[in-house]
Each structure stands twice: as structure tokens, then as C-alpha cells.
Amino acid sequence: MVKCGKNFDIFEIEIKLIMNTLIGSYECKVDTKGRLMLPSGLKKQMLPILEEGFVLKRSVFQPCLELYPMSQWNLLMEKMNGLNRFNKKNNDFIRKFSAGVKMIEVDANGRLLIPKDLISFASIEKEIVVSSAINIVEIWDKDKYESVVSESEDFADLAEDVMGFETNE
């Protein structure tokens, strides 16, 4: 990556985001100690960022966990640091958002340990789904994932609402 001075810091961050786009959903198992072996297809995509470490947290909207590469977490924290802590809503949001947040490292065998409180939050049993969500990874109990993915809400309508915007480009 070429660094071109302070004026281009935003450009450098955008390049990192593009490079960290993750792809794929994988069915896996968690052992009795809460260890998850990263699927090889996902691990290969994450090789450049494995040494940075990760942050694992509860999802805001779903009963799953979110695994953030440290670089993505730091970008998110920059935004959160801009919130006024003397505003009660902001302070409540920060507290709830950061509840249960854990720093995670991948061990020499390619496993990560999911803490028991987060296993409980996501109702993770033995079978799970590890699913990419652009620049983070979601970790789901397999049954919950299949239930959410197959919900009756019309995906075509959702896609149009979210992505069907017109641009002036």
C-alpha cells in the first residue's frame, strides 16, 4: 500500500475496507469448550488480518455474534468516539453496544474461543453457521440462522427498499 501523506489518510482507509471484504457462509461445529475452527475458505480470506486480532460482540439486531477484524473495529470506534457522552441517549447506546464485547485471537490451530456469555446470548449449541457480512463475520446457531434466512419477508421488496436507490452519477 502506498502512503501519500496526511491528505490521503481517508484513501488509505478505503483501500483497507475494500481489501477486507469477506465472502461465504460455512456450517461448522463448536466444541464443548466453545472453540470454533475457522473454516479454511474464510481463514484464507482473513490471512492478512489474522495477526491483528478480533473483537467479538453481540449483534444489535439479531440473536447472533459479530466478529470484527481489529481494523474494522477501530474504524467503528472512531465514529463512536465522536458521540457526546453527556447526552443520555448516546451514553445508553454506548453502554448497550459495548456490553459483552471481547477481544479474541485465533490460536495456532486456527481456532477461536467463544466466551460462555456470548454463547448463551446467541443460543449457540453445537452446530453453527459462520457467515460473512461484507467486512465482518456473523456467528449463528444453525437453526436460528436458517430461520432468519427463510423468514417470510419478501427479499425482493427488502432489496428494492435498501438498494433500489437512484444515483446521479
N, C-alpha and C. Protein backbone atom coordinates (compact mmCIF):
# COMPACT_ATOMS: atom_id res chain seq x y z
N MET A 1 0.84 -1.17 0.00
CA MET A 1 0.00 0.00 0.00
C MET A 1 0.90 1.24 0.00
N VAL A 2 0.54 2.19 -0.82
CA VAL A 2 1.31 3.42 -0.92
C VAL A 2 0.73 4.45 0.03
N LYS A 3 1.58 5.05 0.83
CA LYS A 3 1.14 6.12 1.73
C LYS A 3 1.58 7.43 1.11
N CYS A 4 0.65 8.36 1.02
CA CYS A 4 0.95 9.60 0.31
C CYS A 4 0.83 10.83 1.21
N GLY A 5 0.87 10.67 2.51
CA GLY A 5 0.80 11.82 3.39
C GLY A 5 -0.55 11.96 4.06
N LYS A 6 -0.66 12.97 4.91
CA LYS A 6 -1.87 13.15 5.71
C LYS A 6 -3.11 13.39 4.87
N ASN A 7 -2.98 14.04 3.75
CA ASN A 7 -4.14 14.35 2.94
C ASN A 7 -4.81 13.10 2.37
N PHE A 8 -4.12 11.96 2.41
CA PHE A 8 -4.64 10.76 1.79
C PHE A 8 -4.97 9.67 2.80
N ASP A 9 -5.06 10.01 4.09
CA ASP A 9 -5.39 9.01 5.10
C ASP A 9 -6.73 8.35 4.83
N ILE A 10 -7.71 9.11 4.40
CA ILE A 10 -9.04 8.55 4.12
C ILE A 10 -8.94 7.56 2.96
N PHE A 11 -8.16 7.89 1.95
CA PHE A 11 -7.98 7.00 0.81
C PHE A 11 -7.38 5.67 1.27
N GLU A 12 -6.40 5.73 2.16
CA GLU A 12 -5.76 4.52 2.66
C GLU A 12 -6.77 3.65 3.41
N ILE A 13 -7.62 4.26 4.22
CA ILE A 13 -8.64 3.51 4.96
C ILE A 13 -9.61 2.85 4.00
N GLU A 14 -10.02 3.56 2.95
CA GLU A 14 -10.95 2.99 1.98
C GLU A 14 -10.33 1.78 1.28
N ILE A 15 -9.07 1.81 0.98
CA ILE A 15 -8.40 0.67 0.35
C ILE A 15 -8.44 -0.52 1.29
N LYS A 16 -8.17 -0.31 2.57
CA LYS A 16 -8.21 -1.40 3.53
C LYS A 16 -9.60 -2.02 3.59
N LEU A 17 -10.64 -1.19 3.56
CA LEU A 17 -12.01 -1.71 3.61
C LEU A 17 -12.30 -2.59 2.41
N ILE A 18 -11.89 -2.17 1.24
CA ILE A 18 -12.14 -2.95 0.04
C ILE A 18 -11.40 -4.28 0.13
N MET A 19 -10.18 -4.26 0.61
CA MET A 19 -9.39 -5.47 0.70
C MET A 19 -9.95 -6.44 1.74
N ASN A 20 -10.71 -5.96 2.72
CA ASN A 20 -11.20 -6.80 3.78
C ASN A 20 -12.65 -7.26 3.56
N THR A 21 -13.15 -7.20 2.35
CA THR A 21 -14.47 -7.72 2.06
C THR A 21 -14.40 -9.23 2.11
N LEU A 22 -15.29 -9.82 2.91
CA LEU A 22 -15.28 -11.26 3.12
C LEU A 22 -16.46 -11.90 2.38
N ILE A 23 -16.29 -13.14 1.93
CA ILE A 23 -17.32 -13.81 1.15
C ILE A 23 -17.52 -15.22 1.67
N GLY A 24 -18.79 -15.61 1.84
CA GLY A 24 -19.11 -17.01 2.11
C GLY A 24 -19.86 -17.26 3.40
N SER A 25 -20.58 -18.37 3.42
CA SER A 25 -21.24 -18.90 4.61
C SER A 25 -20.78 -20.34 4.78
N TYR A 26 -20.52 -20.71 6.03
CA TYR A 26 -19.92 -22.01 6.31
C TYR A 26 -20.63 -22.65 7.50
N GLU A 27 -20.96 -23.92 7.37
CA GLU A 27 -21.51 -24.67 8.50
C GLU A 27 -20.35 -25.28 9.27
N CYS A 28 -20.36 -25.09 10.59
CA CYS A 28 -19.26 -25.54 11.44
C CYS A 28 -19.83 -26.12 12.73
N LYS A 29 -18.91 -26.55 13.58
CA LYS A 29 -19.28 -27.04 14.90
C LYS A 29 -18.43 -26.33 15.94
N VAL A 30 -19.02 -26.15 17.11
CA VAL A 30 -18.30 -25.60 18.25
C VAL A 30 -18.09 -26.75 19.22
N ASP A 31 -16.88 -26.87 19.77
CA ASP A 31 -16.65 -27.96 20.72
C ASP A 31 -17.20 -27.59 22.10
N THR A 32 -17.09 -28.51 23.03
CA THR A 32 -17.67 -28.31 24.36
C THR A 32 -17.03 -27.15 25.12
N LYS A 33 -15.83 -26.76 24.73
CA LYS A 33 -15.16 -25.62 25.38
C LYS A 33 -15.49 -24.30 24.71
N GLY A 34 -16.30 -24.34 23.64
CA GLY A 34 -16.66 -23.12 22.94
C GLY A 34 -15.67 -22.71 21.87
N ARG A 35 -14.85 -23.64 21.42
CA ARG A 35 -13.86 -23.33 20.39
C ARG A 35 -14.42 -23.58 19.00
N LEU A 36 -14.14 -22.67 18.13
CA LEU A 36 -14.59 -22.74 16.74
C LEU A 36 -13.37 -22.79 15.85
N MET A 37 -13.29 -23.80 15.00
CA MET A 37 -12.23 -23.89 14.00
C MET A 37 -12.66 -23.04 12.81
N LEU A 38 -11.88 -22.02 12.49
CA LEU A 38 -12.24 -21.17 11.35
C LEU A 38 -12.26 -22.01 10.08
N PRO A 39 -13.33 -21.90 9.29
CA PRO A 39 -13.38 -22.64 8.02
C PRO A 39 -12.21 -22.20 7.13
N SER A 40 -11.62 -23.15 6.42
CA SER A 40 -10.42 -22.85 5.64
C SER A 40 -10.67 -21.77 4.58
N GLY A 41 -11.85 -21.78 3.96
CA GLY A 41 -12.15 -20.76 2.94
C GLY A 41 -12.18 -19.36 3.53
N LEU A 42 -12.69 -19.22 4.72
CA LEU A 42 -12.74 -17.93 5.40
C LEU A 42 -11.35 -17.56 5.93
N LYS A 43 -10.67 -18.54 6.47
CA LYS A 43 -9.33 -18.30 7.03
C LYS A 43 -8.38 -17.78 5.95
N LYS A 44 -8.47 -18.34 4.74
CA LYS A 44 -7.61 -17.88 3.63
C LYS A 44 -7.88 -16.41 3.32
N GLN A 45 -9.16 -16.00 3.36
CA GLN A 45 -9.50 -14.61 3.09
C GLN A 45 -8.99 -13.69 4.20
N MET A 46 -8.89 -14.22 5.41
CA MET A 46 -8.53 -13.41 6.56
C MET A 46 -7.03 -13.44 6.88
N LEU A 47 -6.24 -14.17 6.10
CA LEU A 47 -4.80 -14.28 6.38
C LEU A 47 -4.12 -12.93 6.62
N PRO A 48 -4.40 -11.91 5.80
CA PRO A 48 -3.72 -10.63 6.03
C PRO A 48 -4.07 -9.96 7.36
N ILE A 49 -5.18 -10.36 7.98
CA ILE A 49 -5.61 -9.67 9.20
C ILE A 49 -5.64 -10.57 10.44
N LEU A 50 -5.24 -11.84 10.31
CA LEU A 50 -5.29 -12.76 11.44
C LEU A 50 -4.46 -12.29 12.63
N GLU A 51 -3.32 -11.71 12.38
CA GLU A 51 -2.44 -11.30 13.47
C GLU A 51 -2.93 -10.07 14.21
N GLU A 52 -3.81 -9.27 13.58
CA GLU A 52 -4.35 -8.07 14.23
C GLU A 52 -5.20 -8.42 15.44
N GLY A 53 -5.84 -9.57 15.39
CA GLY A 53 -6.80 -9.93 16.42
C GLY A 53 -8.20 -9.47 16.00
N PHE A 54 -9.17 -9.80 16.83
CA PHE A 54 -10.57 -9.54 16.51
C PHE A 54 -11.32 -9.08 17.75
N VAL A 55 -12.47 -8.51 17.51
CA VAL A 55 -13.41 -8.19 18.57
C VAL A 55 -14.69 -8.96 18.29
N LEU A 56 -15.20 -9.63 19.31
CA LEU A 56 -16.43 -10.40 19.21
C LEU A 56 -17.47 -9.74 20.09
N LYS A 57 -18.66 -9.51 19.53
CA LYS A 57 -19.71 -8.83 20.28
C LYS A 57 -21.08 -9.35 19.91
N ARG A 58 -22.05 -8.99 20.73
CA ARG A 58 -23.45 -9.31 20.46
C ARG A 58 -23.93 -8.46 19.29
N SER A 59 -24.75 -9.03 18.45
CA SER A 59 -25.36 -8.25 17.37
C SER A 59 -26.43 -7.34 17.96
N VAL A 60 -26.61 -6.19 17.36
CA VAL A 60 -27.63 -5.26 17.83
C VAL A 60 -29.02 -5.73 17.42
N PHE A 61 -29.16 -6.28 16.22
CA PHE A 61 -30.48 -6.56 15.67
C PHE A 61 -30.87 -8.03 15.65
N GLN A 62 -29.93 -8.95 15.78
CA GLN A 62 -30.21 -10.37 15.64
C GLN A 62 -29.60 -11.16 16.79
N PRO A 63 -30.10 -12.37 17.04
CA PRO A 63 -29.52 -13.22 18.08
C PRO A 63 -28.27 -13.96 17.57
N CYS A 64 -27.28 -13.20 17.18
CA CYS A 64 -26.03 -13.78 16.69
C CYS A 64 -24.87 -12.96 17.22
N LEU A 65 -23.66 -13.40 16.90
CA LEU A 65 -22.45 -12.69 17.30
C LEU A 65 -21.80 -12.08 16.08
N GLU A 66 -21.08 -11.00 16.28
CA GLU A 66 -20.37 -10.33 15.20
C GLU A 66 -18.88 -10.32 15.51
N LEU A 67 -18.11 -10.81 14.56
CA LEU A 67 -16.65 -10.86 14.68
C LEU A 67 -16.06 -9.77 13.80
N TYR A 68 -15.44 -8.78 14.44
CA TYR A 68 -14.85 -7.65 13.73
C TYR A 68 -13.34 -7.82 13.67
N PRO A 69 -12.74 -7.75 12.48
CA PRO A 69 -11.29 -7.62 12.43
C PRO A 69 -10.92 -6.32 13.16
N MET A 70 -9.80 -6.31 13.83
CA MET A 70 -9.42 -5.15 14.66
C MET A 70 -9.44 -3.85 13.86
N SER A 71 -9.03 -3.88 12.60
CA SER A 71 -9.03 -2.65 11.79
C SER A 71 -10.45 -2.12 11.61
N GLN A 72 -11.41 -3.02 11.40
CA GLN A 72 -12.81 -2.60 11.25
C GLN A 72 -13.36 -2.07 12.57
N TRP A 73 -13.00 -2.74 13.65
CA TRP A 73 -13.44 -2.30 14.98
C TRP A 73 -12.91 -0.90 15.28
N ASN A 74 -11.64 -0.65 14.95
CA ASN A 74 -11.05 0.66 15.21
C ASN A 74 -11.75 1.76 14.41
N LEU A 75 -12.14 1.46 13.17
CA LEU A 75 -12.89 2.45 12.38
C LEU A 75 -14.24 2.75 13.03
N LEU A 76 -14.91 1.71 13.51
CA LEU A 76 -16.19 1.89 14.19
C LEU A 76 -16.02 2.70 15.47
N MET A 77 -14.96 2.43 16.22
CA MET A 77 -14.71 3.15 17.47
C MET A 77 -14.41 4.62 17.21
N GLU A 78 -13.79 4.93 16.10
CA GLU A 78 -13.55 6.34 15.75
C GLU A 78 -14.89 7.07 15.63
N LYS A 79 -15.87 6.43 14.99
CA LYS A 79 -17.21 7.04 14.88
C LYS A 79 -17.86 7.16 16.25
N MET A 80 -17.75 6.11 17.06
CA MET A 80 -18.38 6.12 18.38
C MET A 80 -17.73 7.16 19.29
N ASN A 81 -16.43 7.37 19.14
CA ASN A 81 -15.75 8.36 19.96
C ASN A 81 -16.23 9.78 19.67
N GLY A 82 -16.87 9.97 18.54
CA GLY A 82 -17.42 11.28 18.20
C GLY A 82 -18.75 11.57 18.89
N LEU A 83 -19.32 10.56 19.55
CA LEU A 83 -20.59 10.78 20.24
C LEU A 83 -20.37 11.53 21.54
N ASN A 84 -21.31 12.41 21.84
CA ASN A 84 -21.25 13.20 23.08
C ASN A 84 -21.70 12.32 24.24
N ARG A 85 -20.79 11.99 25.14
CA ARG A 85 -21.10 11.12 26.29
C ARG A 85 -21.98 11.81 27.32
N PHE A 86 -22.18 13.13 27.20
CA PHE A 86 -23.06 13.84 28.12
C PHE A 86 -24.50 13.89 27.62
N ASN A 87 -24.75 13.20 26.51
CA ASN A 87 -26.11 13.02 26.00
C ASN A 87 -26.54 11.63 26.47
N LYS A 88 -27.62 11.55 27.23
CA LYS A 88 -28.04 10.29 27.84
C LYS A 88 -28.27 9.19 26.79
N LYS A 89 -28.92 9.52 25.68
CA LYS A 89 -29.15 8.50 24.64
C LYS A 89 -27.82 7.95 24.12
N ASN A 90 -26.88 8.83 23.87
CA ASN A 90 -25.57 8.38 23.39
C ASN A 90 -24.90 7.48 24.42
N ASN A 91 -24.94 7.91 25.67
CA ASN A 91 -24.30 7.14 26.73
C ASN A 91 -24.95 5.76 26.89
N ASP A 92 -26.29 5.72 26.84
CA ASP A 92 -27.00 4.45 26.93
C ASP A 92 -26.66 3.55 25.74
N PHE A 93 -26.60 4.14 24.56
CA PHE A 93 -26.26 3.38 23.36
C PHE A 93 -24.86 2.77 23.48
N ILE A 94 -23.89 3.57 23.88
CA ILE A 94 -22.52 3.09 24.01
C ILE A 94 -22.45 1.93 24.99
N ARG A 95 -23.14 2.07 26.13
CA ARG A 95 -23.13 1.01 27.15
C ARG A 95 -23.73 -0.27 26.59
N LYS A 96 -24.88 -0.18 25.94
CA LYS A 96 -25.53 -1.38 25.42
C LYS A 96 -24.77 -1.97 24.24
N PHE A 97 -24.21 -1.11 23.40
CA PHE A 97 -23.46 -1.58 22.24
C PHE A 97 -22.21 -2.35 22.68
N SER A 98 -21.57 -1.87 23.73
CA SER A 98 -20.31 -2.49 24.16
C SER A 98 -20.50 -3.60 25.20
N ALA A 99 -21.73 -3.90 25.56
CA ALA A 99 -21.99 -4.97 26.52
C ALA A 99 -21.51 -6.30 25.96
N GLY A 100 -20.68 -6.98 26.70
CA GLY A 100 -20.21 -8.30 26.30
C GLY A 100 -19.11 -8.31 25.26
N VAL A 101 -18.55 -7.16 24.90
CA VAL A 101 -17.50 -7.09 23.89
C VAL A 101 -16.24 -7.78 24.41
N LYS A 102 -15.64 -8.62 23.56
CA LYS A 102 -14.44 -9.36 23.95
C LYS A 102 -13.40 -9.28 22.84
N MET A 103 -12.13 -9.14 23.24
CA MET A 103 -11.04 -9.25 22.28
C MET A 103 -10.74 -10.74 22.11
N ILE A 104 -10.57 -11.16 20.85
CA ILE A 104 -10.40 -12.57 20.51
C ILE A 104 -9.16 -12.71 19.63
N GLU A 105 -8.43 -13.78 19.85
CA GLU A 105 -7.31 -14.12 18.97
C GLU A 105 -7.51 -15.52 18.43
N VAL A 106 -7.02 -15.74 17.24
CA VAL A 106 -7.04 -17.08 16.65
C VAL A 106 -5.79 -17.80 17.13
N ASP A 107 -5.96 -19.02 17.69
CA ASP A 107 -4.81 -19.75 18.22
C ASP A 107 -4.00 -20.40 17.09
N ALA A 108 -2.92 -21.05 17.46
CA ALA A 108 -2.01 -21.66 16.47
C ALA A 108 -2.68 -22.74 15.63
N ASN A 109 -3.79 -23.31 16.14
CA ASN A 109 -4.52 -24.35 15.41
C ASN A 109 -5.65 -23.77 14.56
N GLY A 110 -5.77 -22.44 14.49
CA GLY A 110 -6.81 -21.82 13.68
C GLY A 110 -8.17 -21.77 14.36
N ARG A 111 -8.17 -21.85 15.69
CA ARG A 111 -9.44 -21.82 16.43
C ARG A 111 -9.58 -20.50 17.17
N LEU A 112 -10.83 -20.12 17.38
CA LEU A 112 -11.09 -19.00 18.27
C LEU A 112 -12.05 -19.47 19.35
N LEU A 113 -11.87 -18.93 20.54
CA LEU A 113 -12.66 -19.31 21.69
C LEU A 113 -13.81 -18.32 21.86
N ILE A 114 -15.04 -18.84 21.83
CA ILE A 114 -16.21 -18.01 22.04
C ILE A 114 -16.53 -18.04 23.54
N PRO A 115 -16.49 -16.89 24.21
CA PRO A 115 -16.78 -16.86 25.64
C PRO A 115 -18.20 -17.35 25.95
N LYS A 116 -18.35 -17.96 27.12
CA LYS A 116 -19.62 -18.58 27.50
C LYS A 116 -20.79 -17.60 27.50
N ASP A 117 -20.58 -16.35 27.94
CA ASP A 117 -21.68 -15.39 27.97
C ASP A 117 -22.18 -15.08 26.55
N LEU A 118 -21.27 -15.07 25.59
CA LEU A 118 -21.68 -14.81 24.21
C LEU A 118 -22.33 -16.05 23.58
N ILE A 119 -21.87 -17.24 23.96
CA ILE A 119 -22.52 -18.47 23.51
C ILE A 119 -23.96 -18.47 24.00
N SER A 120 -24.16 -18.08 25.24
CA SER A 120 -25.50 -18.03 25.83
C SER A 120 -26.38 -16.99 25.11
N PHE A 121 -25.83 -15.80 24.85
CA PHE A 121 -26.59 -14.75 24.17
C PHE A 121 -27.12 -15.24 22.82
N ALA A 122 -26.26 -15.90 22.05
CA ALA A 122 -26.62 -16.33 20.69
C ALA A 122 -27.28 -17.71 20.67
N SER A 123 -27.51 -18.30 21.85
CA SER A 123 -28.12 -19.63 21.96
C SER A 123 -27.39 -20.65 21.10
N ILE A 124 -26.07 -20.56 21.09
CA ILE A 124 -25.27 -21.46 20.27
C ILE A 124 -25.21 -22.83 20.92
N GLU A 125 -25.58 -23.83 20.13
CA GLU A 125 -25.47 -25.22 20.57
C GLU A 125 -24.19 -25.77 19.96
N LYS A 126 -24.27 -26.86 19.24
CA LYS A 126 -23.07 -27.44 18.65
C LYS A 126 -22.89 -27.01 17.20
N GLU A 127 -23.97 -27.02 16.43
CA GLU A 127 -23.89 -26.68 15.01
C GLU A 127 -24.14 -25.19 14.82
N ILE A 128 -23.23 -24.56 14.05
CA ILE A 128 -23.33 -23.13 13.83
C ILE A 128 -23.15 -22.81 12.35
N VAL A 129 -23.45 -21.57 12.01
CA VAL A 129 -23.16 -21.03 10.69
C VAL A 129 -22.28 -19.80 10.89
N VAL A 130 -21.18 -19.77 10.17
CA VAL A 130 -20.28 -18.62 10.15
C VAL A 130 -20.51 -17.97 8.79
N SER A 131 -21.00 -16.73 8.82
CA SER A 131 -21.43 -16.09 7.58
C SER A 131 -20.79 -14.71 7.43
N SER A 132 -20.23 -14.45 6.26
CA SER A 132 -19.64 -13.13 6.02
C SER A 132 -20.76 -12.10 5.90
N ALA A 133 -20.46 -10.91 6.37
CA ALA A 133 -21.38 -9.78 6.25
C ALA A 133 -20.54 -8.57 5.83
N ILE A 134 -20.06 -8.60 4.63
CA ILE A 134 -19.20 -7.62 3.98
C ILE A 134 -17.83 -7.57 4.64
N ASN A 135 -17.68 -6.81 5.74
CA ASN A 135 -16.35 -6.67 6.35
C ASN A 135 -16.28 -7.23 7.77
N ILE A 136 -17.32 -7.93 8.20
CA ILE A 136 -17.32 -8.63 9.48
C ILE A 136 -17.85 -10.04 9.25
N VAL A 137 -17.85 -10.85 10.30
CA VAL A 137 -18.35 -12.21 10.21
C VAL A 137 -19.42 -12.38 11.28
N GLU A 138 -20.55 -12.95 10.89
CA GLU A 138 -21.60 -13.27 11.86
C GLU A 138 -21.48 -14.74 12.24
N ILE A 139 -21.70 -15.02 13.52
CA ILE A 139 -21.67 -16.39 14.03
C ILE A 139 -23.05 -16.69 14.61
N TRP A 140 -23.71 -17.68 14.03
CA TRP A 140 -25.10 -18.00 14.35
C TRP A 140 -25.24 -19.44 14.83
N ASP A 141 -26.20 -19.69 15.70
CA ASP A 141 -26.69 -21.05 15.89
C ASP A 141 -27.33 -21.44 14.56
N LYS A 142 -27.08 -22.64 14.09
CA LYS A 142 -27.52 -23.06 12.76
C LYS A 142 -29.04 -22.94 12.60
N ASP A 143 -29.80 -23.40 13.57
CA ASP A 143 -31.27 -23.35 13.45
C ASP A 143 -31.77 -21.91 13.40
N LYS A 144 -31.20 -21.03 14.21
CA LYS A 144 -31.62 -19.62 14.20
C LYS A 144 -31.28 -18.97 12.86
N TYR A 145 -30.10 -19.27 12.32
CA TYR A 145 -29.69 -18.71 11.03
C TYR A 145 -30.67 -19.13 9.94
N GLU A 146 -30.97 -20.42 9.88
CA GLU A 146 -31.88 -20.92 8.85
C GLU A 146 -33.26 -20.30 9.00
N SER A 147 -33.69 -20.08 10.21
CA SER A 147 -34.99 -19.47 10.46
C SER A 147 -35.02 -18.02 9.96
N VAL A 148 -33.96 -17.26 10.27
CA VAL A 148 -33.91 -15.85 9.86
C VAL A 148 -33.80 -15.73 8.34
N VAL A 149 -32.98 -16.57 7.73
CA VAL A 149 -32.78 -16.50 6.28
C VAL A 149 -34.05 -16.88 5.53
N SER A 150 -34.85 -17.76 6.11
CA SER A 150 -36.06 -18.20 5.42
C SER A 150 -37.33 -17.47 5.88
N GLU A 151 -37.18 -16.36 6.63
CA GLU A 151 -38.36 -15.61 7.09
C GLU A 151 -39.22 -15.22 5.89
N SER A 152 -40.49 -15.04 6.18
CA SER A 152 -41.45 -14.80 5.10
C SER A 152 -41.36 -13.41 4.47
N GLU A 153 -40.62 -12.49 5.08
CA GLU A 153 -40.48 -11.17 4.49
C GLU A 153 -39.93 -11.32 3.07
N ASP A 154 -40.53 -10.63 2.13
CA ASP A 154 -40.13 -10.75 0.74
C ASP A 154 -38.76 -10.10 0.52
N PHE A 155 -37.77 -10.91 0.19
CA PHE A 155 -36.42 -10.40 0.00
C PHE A 155 -36.35 -9.41 -1.17
N ALA A 156 -37.15 -9.62 -2.18
CA ALA A 156 -37.15 -8.70 -3.33
C ALA A 156 -37.58 -7.30 -2.89
N ASP A 157 -38.60 -7.22 -2.04
CA ASP A 157 -39.03 -5.91 -1.53
C ASP A 157 -37.95 -5.27 -0.66
N LEU A 158 -37.34 -6.08 0.19
CA LEU A 158 -36.27 -5.57 1.05
C LEU A 158 -35.10 -5.06 0.21
N ALA A 159 -34.71 -5.83 -0.80
CA ALA A 159 -33.61 -5.43 -1.68
C ALA A 159 -33.92 -4.11 -2.39
N GLU A 160 -35.15 -3.97 -2.84
CA GLU A 160 -35.53 -2.73 -3.51
C GLU A 160 -35.50 -1.55 -2.55
N ASP A 161 -36.00 -1.75 -1.33
CA ASP A 161 -36.00 -0.68 -0.33
C ASP A 161 -34.58 -0.26 0.02
N VAL A 162 -33.69 -1.21 0.19
CA VAL A 162 -32.35 -0.91 0.64
C VAL A 162 -31.43 -0.49 -0.51
N MET A 163 -31.49 -1.19 -1.62
CA MET A 163 -30.53 -0.98 -2.70
C MET A 163 -31.12 -0.31 -3.95
N GLY A 164 -32.40 -0.12 -3.98
CA GLY A 164 -33.04 0.39 -5.19
C GLY A 164 -33.04 1.90 -5.31
N PHE A 165 -32.03 2.54 -4.80
CA PHE A 165 -31.94 3.99 -4.90
C PHE A 165 -31.38 4.42 -6.24
N GLU A 166 -31.74 5.62 -6.64
CA GLU A 166 -31.20 6.17 -7.89
C GLU A 166 -30.05 7.09 -7.55
N THR A 167 -29.01 7.04 -8.36
CA THR A 167 -27.87 7.92 -8.14
C THR A 167 -27.76 8.90 -9.30
N ASN A 168 -27.10 9.98 -9.06
CA ASN A 168 -26.88 11.00 -10.10
C ASN A 168 -25.49 10.89 -10.69
N GLU A 169 -24.93 9.69 -10.69
CA GLU A 169 -23.57 9.52 -11.21
C GLU A 169 -23.56 9.44 -12.70
